Amino acid sequence: MRMILAVAAVLYSASAFAQADKPPMVGDKPLVQVKPKGTKEAAAKPAAAAKGKPQSIAARLQACLEIDDGTKDRLNCYDAVIPPAPKPKPAKAKGYADCRFFKEEDERLACFNGFAESIPKLPKT
């Protein structure tokens, strides 16, 4: 009886040590867990960005054109793509990234609108 208890204790402790440090293995490769695609982060993003492909800045700026013109929501959309970083007395914007330097919201919105409307329409894929 004592022998059976000793063997059971050794086998039980050996199985506990085997599970402690190593991840589960399939052959010689570790088992990988895949997360589902429908997460909370995907629900917070716009529908166009949830398709899976990362969008270019131009595509994201053009998506902001769908929001009513002259509204705070459109400016917030632009600011989400390119965060504002106001500078004192900026010169005329040479590119869309320079729009973030305008301190006044109306100037920043007009700057983004000008560049977003001048971007050629990208093909939908």
C-alpha atoms as a PDB file:
ATOM      1  CA  MET A   1       0.000   0.000   0.000  1.00  0.00           C
ATOM      2  CA  ARG A   2       2.826   2.355   0.890  1.00  0.00           C
ATOM      3  CA  MET A   3       4.510   1.603  -2.401  1.00  0.00           C
ATOM      4  CA  ILE A   4       1.399   2.528  -4.376  1.00  0.00           C
ATOM      5  CA  LEU A   5       1.080   5.833  -2.491  1.00  0.00           C
ATOM      6  CA  ALA A   6       4.776   6.630  -3.102  1.00  0.00           C
ATOM      7  CA  VAL A   7       4.456   5.937  -6.852  1.00  0.00           C
ATOM      8  CA  ALA A   8       1.286   8.027  -7.079  1.00  0.00           C
ATOM      9  CA  ALA A   9       2.972  10.935  -5.259  1.00  0.00           C
ATOM     10  CA  VAL A  10       6.000  10.821  -7.572  1.00  0.00           C
ATOM     11  CA  LEU A  11       3.845  10.687 -10.716  1.00  0.00           C
ATOM     12  CA  TYR A  12       1.583  13.489  -9.502  1.00  0.00           C
ATOM     13  CA  SER A  13       4.517  15.790  -8.653  1.00  0.00           C
ATOM     14  CA  ALA A  14       6.223  15.019 -11.988  1.00  0.00           C
ATOM     15  CA  SER A  15       3.097  16.029 -13.902  1.00  0.00           C
ATOM     16  CA  ALA A  16       2.852  19.251 -11.864  1.00  0.00           C
ATOM     17  CA  PHE A  17       6.461  20.176 -12.685  1.00  0.00           C
ATOM     18  CA  ALA A  18       5.951  19.411 -16.370  1.00  0.00           C
ATOM     19  CA  GLN A  19       3.090  21.909 -16.616  1.00  0.00           C
ATOM     20  CA  ALA A  20       4.732  24.755 -14.728  1.00  0.00           C
ATOM     21  CA  ASP A  21       7.064  26.605 -17.125  1.00  0.00           C
ATOM     22  CA  LYS A  22       6.504  25.450 -20.672  1.00  0.00           C
ATOM     23  CA  PRO A  23       3.553  26.418 -22.882  1.00  0.00           C
ATOM     24  CA  PRO A  24       1.538  23.598 -24.441  1.00  0.00           C
ATOM     25  CA  MET A  25       3.346  22.063 -27.405  1.00  0.00           C
ATOM     26  CA  VAL A  26       2.162  20.527 -30.665  1.00  0.00           C
ATOM     27  CA  GLY A  27       5.047  18.418 -31.854  1.00  0.00           C
ATOM     28  CA  ASP A  28       8.071  20.685 -31.405  1.00  0.00           C
ATOM     29  CA  LYS A  29       6.150  23.975 -31.857  1.00  0.00           C
ATOM     30  CA  PRO A  30       4.269  25.880 -29.143  1.00  0.00           C
ATOM     31  CA  LEU A  31       0.500  25.929 -29.330  1.00  0.00           C
ATOM     32  CA  VAL A  32      -0.731  29.365 -30.470  1.00  0.00           C
ATOM     33  CA  GLN A  33      -4.026  30.835 -29.336  1.00  0.00           C
ATOM     34  CA  VAL A  34      -5.857  32.951 -31.904  1.00  0.00           C
ATOM     35  CA  LYS A  35      -7.963  35.894 -30.717  1.00  0.00           C
ATOM     36  CA  PRO A  36     -11.349  36.485 -32.343  1.00  0.00           C
ATOM     37  CA  LYS A  37     -11.567  39.318 -34.893  1.00  0.00           C
ATOM     38  CA  GLY A  38     -14.614  40.999 -33.330  1.00  0.00           C
ATOM     39  CA  THR A  39     -13.017  42.877 -30.443  1.00  0.00           C
ATOM     40  CA  LYS A  40     -13.962  46.103 -28.708  1.00  0.00           C
ATOM     41  CA  GLU A  41     -11.205  47.968 -30.575  1.00  0.00           C
ATOM     42  CA  ALA A  42     -12.732  47.110 -33.947  1.00  0.00           C
ATOM     43  CA  ALA A  43     -16.119  48.443 -32.830  1.00  0.00           C
ATOM     44  CA  ALA A  44     -14.580  51.793 -31.888  1.00  0.00           C
ATOM     45  CA  LYS A  45     -12.973  52.320 -35.312  1.00  0.00           C
ATOM     46  CA  PRO A  46     -14.832  53.607 -38.366  1.00  0.00           C
ATOM     47  CA  ALA A  47     -16.395  51.029 -40.665  1.00  0.00           C
ATOM     48  CA  ALA A  48     -13.830  51.621 -43.409  1.00  0.00           C
ATOM     49  CA  ALA A  49     -10.928  50.951 -41.048  1.00  0.00           C
ATOM     50  CA  ALA A  50     -12.560  47.808 -39.621  1.00  0.00           C
ATOM     51  CA  LYS A  51     -12.135  45.937 -42.924  1.00  0.00           C
ATOM     52  CA  GLY A  52      -8.688  44.824 -41.839  1.00  0.00           C
ATOM     53  CA  LYS A  53      -6.354  46.723 -44.177  1.00  0.00           C
ATOM     54  CA  PRO A  54      -4.558  49.722 -42.730  1.00  0.00           C
ATOM     55  CA  GLN A  55      -5.638  52.825 -44.599  1.00  0.00           C
ATOM     56  CA  SER A  56      -3.357  55.523 -45.900  1.00  0.00           C
ATOM     57  CA  ILE A  57      -3.522  59.033 -44.503  1.00  0.00           C
ATOM     58  CA  ALA A  58      -5.056  60.220 -47.779  1.00  0.00           C
ATOM     59  CA  ALA A  59      -7.897  57.689 -47.515  1.00  0.00           C
ATOM     60  CA  ARG A  60      -8.580  58.643 -43.908  1.00  0.00           C
ATOM     61  CA  LEU A  61      -8.605  62.360 -44.778  1.00  0.00           C
ATOM     62  CA  GLN A  62     -11.052  61.694 -47.623  1.00  0.00           C
ATOM     63  CA  ALA A  63     -13.277  59.727 -45.241  1.00  0.00           C
ATOM     64  CA  CYS A  64     -13.562  62.889 -43.139  1.00  0.00           C
ATOM     65  CA  LEU A  65     -15.126  64.658 -46.140  1.00  0.00           C
ATOM     66  CA  GLU A  66     -18.280  62.577 -45.579  1.00  0.00           C
ATOM     67  CA  ILE A  67     -18.962  64.523 -42.344  1.00  0.00           C
ATOM     68  CA  ASP A  68     -20.869  67.813 -42.649  1.00  0.00           C
ATOM     69  CA  ASP A  69     -18.614  70.686 -43.739  1.00  0.00           C
ATOM     70  CA  GLY A  70     -17.669  73.364 -41.228  1.00  0.00           C
ATOM     71  CA  THR A  71     -18.541  71.268 -38.187  1.00  0.00           C
ATOM     72  CA  LYS A  72     -16.527  70.416 -35.111  1.00  0.00           C
ATOM     73  CA  ASP A  73     -17.017  66.715 -35.920  1.00  0.00           C
ATOM     74  CA  ARG A  74     -15.152  67.044 -39.224  1.00  0.00           C
ATOM     75  CA  LEU A  75     -12.304  68.878 -37.498  1.00  0.00           C
ATOM     76  CA  ASN A  76     -12.188  66.162 -34.827  1.00  0.00           C
ATOM     77  CA  CYS A  77     -11.962  63.580 -37.622  1.00  0.00           C
ATOM     78  CA  TYR A  78      -9.016  65.430 -39.178  1.00  0.00           C
ATOM     79  CA  ASP A  79      -7.390  65.841 -35.768  1.00  0.00           C
ATOM     80  CA  ALA A  80      -7.703  62.078 -35.189  1.00  0.00           C
ATOM     81  CA  VAL A  81      -5.750  61.442 -38.399  1.00  0.00           C
ATOM     82  CA  ILE A  82      -3.152  64.169 -37.782  1.00  0.00           C
ATOM     83  CA  PRO A  83      -3.062  65.424 -34.172  1.00  0.00           C
ATOM     84  CA  PRO A  84      -2.753  69.212 -33.806  1.00  0.00           C
ATOM     85  CA  ALA A  85       0.531  70.740 -32.685  1.00  0.00           C
ATOM     86  CA  PRO A  86       0.059  74.525 -32.792  1.00  0.00           C
ATOM     87  CA  LYS A  87       3.046  76.783 -33.416  1.00  0.00           C
ATOM     88  CA  PRO A  88       3.147  80.523 -33.000  1.00  0.00           C
ATOM     89  CA  LYS A  89       2.512  82.289 -36.314  1.00  0.00           C
ATOM     90  CA  PRO A  90       2.771  79.380 -38.814  1.00  0.00           C
ATOM     91  CA  ALA A  91       3.427  80.103 -42.480  1.00  0.00           C
ATOM     92  CA  LYS A  92       1.204  78.865 -45.304  1.00  0.00           C
ATOM     93  CA  ALA A  93       0.818  75.089 -45.250  1.00  0.00           C
ATOM     94  CA  LYS A  94       2.879  73.290 -47.885  1.00  0.00           C
ATOM     95  CA  GLY A  95       1.273  69.911 -47.215  1.00  0.00           C
ATOM     96  CA  TYR A  96      -1.592  68.370 -45.264  1.00  0.00           C
ATOM     97  CA  ALA A  97       0.692  67.620 -42.300  1.00  0.00           C
ATOM     98  CA  ASP A  98       1.359  71.360 -41.893  1.00  0.00           C
ATOM     99  CA  CYS A  99      -2.341  71.991 -41.169  1.00  0.00           C
ATOM    100  CA  ARG A 100      -1.820  70.767 -37.606  1.00  0.00           C
ATOM    101  CA  PHE A 101       0.260  73.842 -36.835  1.00  0.00           C
ATOM    102  CA  PHE A 102      -2.676  76.282 -37.163  1.00  0.00           C
ATOM    103  CA  LYS A 103      -3.987  77.272 -33.752  1.00  0.00           C
ATOM    104  CA  GLU A 104      -7.451  78.491 -34.833  1.00  0.00           C
ATOM    105  CA  GLU A 105      -9.933  75.724 -35.514  1.00  0.00           C
ATOM    106  CA  ASP A 106     -11.462  77.483 -38.540  1.00  0.00           C
ATOM    107  CA  GLU A 107      -8.054  77.910 -40.186  1.00  0.00           C
ATOM    108  CA  ARG A 108      -7.143  74.289 -39.464  1.00  0.00           C
ATOM    109  CA  LEU A 109     -10.455  73.048 -40.884  1.00  0.00           C
ATOM    110  CA  ALA A 110     -10.088  75.141 -44.053  1.00  0.00           C
ATOM    111  CA  CYS A 111      -6.526  73.904 -44.512  1.00  0.00           C
ATOM    112  CA  PHE A 112      -7.499  70.234 -44.156  1.00  0.00           C
ATOM    113  CA  ASN A 113     -10.512  70.708 -46.461  1.00  0.00           C
ATOM    114  CA  GLY A 114      -8.307  72.209 -49.159  1.00  0.00           C
ATOM    115  CA  PHE A 115      -5.875  69.316 -49.147  1.00  0.00           C
ATOM    116  CA  ALA A 116      -8.460  66.545 -48.675  1.00  0.00           C
ATOM    117  CA  GLU A 117     -10.545  67.808 -51.599  1.00  0.00           C
ATOM    118  CA  SER A 118      -7.496  68.091 -53.878  1.00  0.00           C
ATOM    119  CA  ILE A 119      -6.414  64.476 -53.314  1.00  0.00           C
ATOM    120  CA  PRO A 120      -7.365  62.313 -56.321  1.00  0.00           C
ATOM    121  CA  LYS A 121     -10.001  59.711 -55.493  1.00  0.00           C
ATOM    122  CA  LEU A 122      -8.428  56.409 -54.583  1.00  0.00           C
ATOM    123  CA  PRO A 123      -9.776  53.160 -56.058  1.00  0.00           C
ATOM    124  CA  LYS A 124     -11.952  51.135 -53.701  1.00  0.00           C
ATOM    125  CA  THR A 125     -10.513  47.700 -52.996  1.00  0.00           C
END
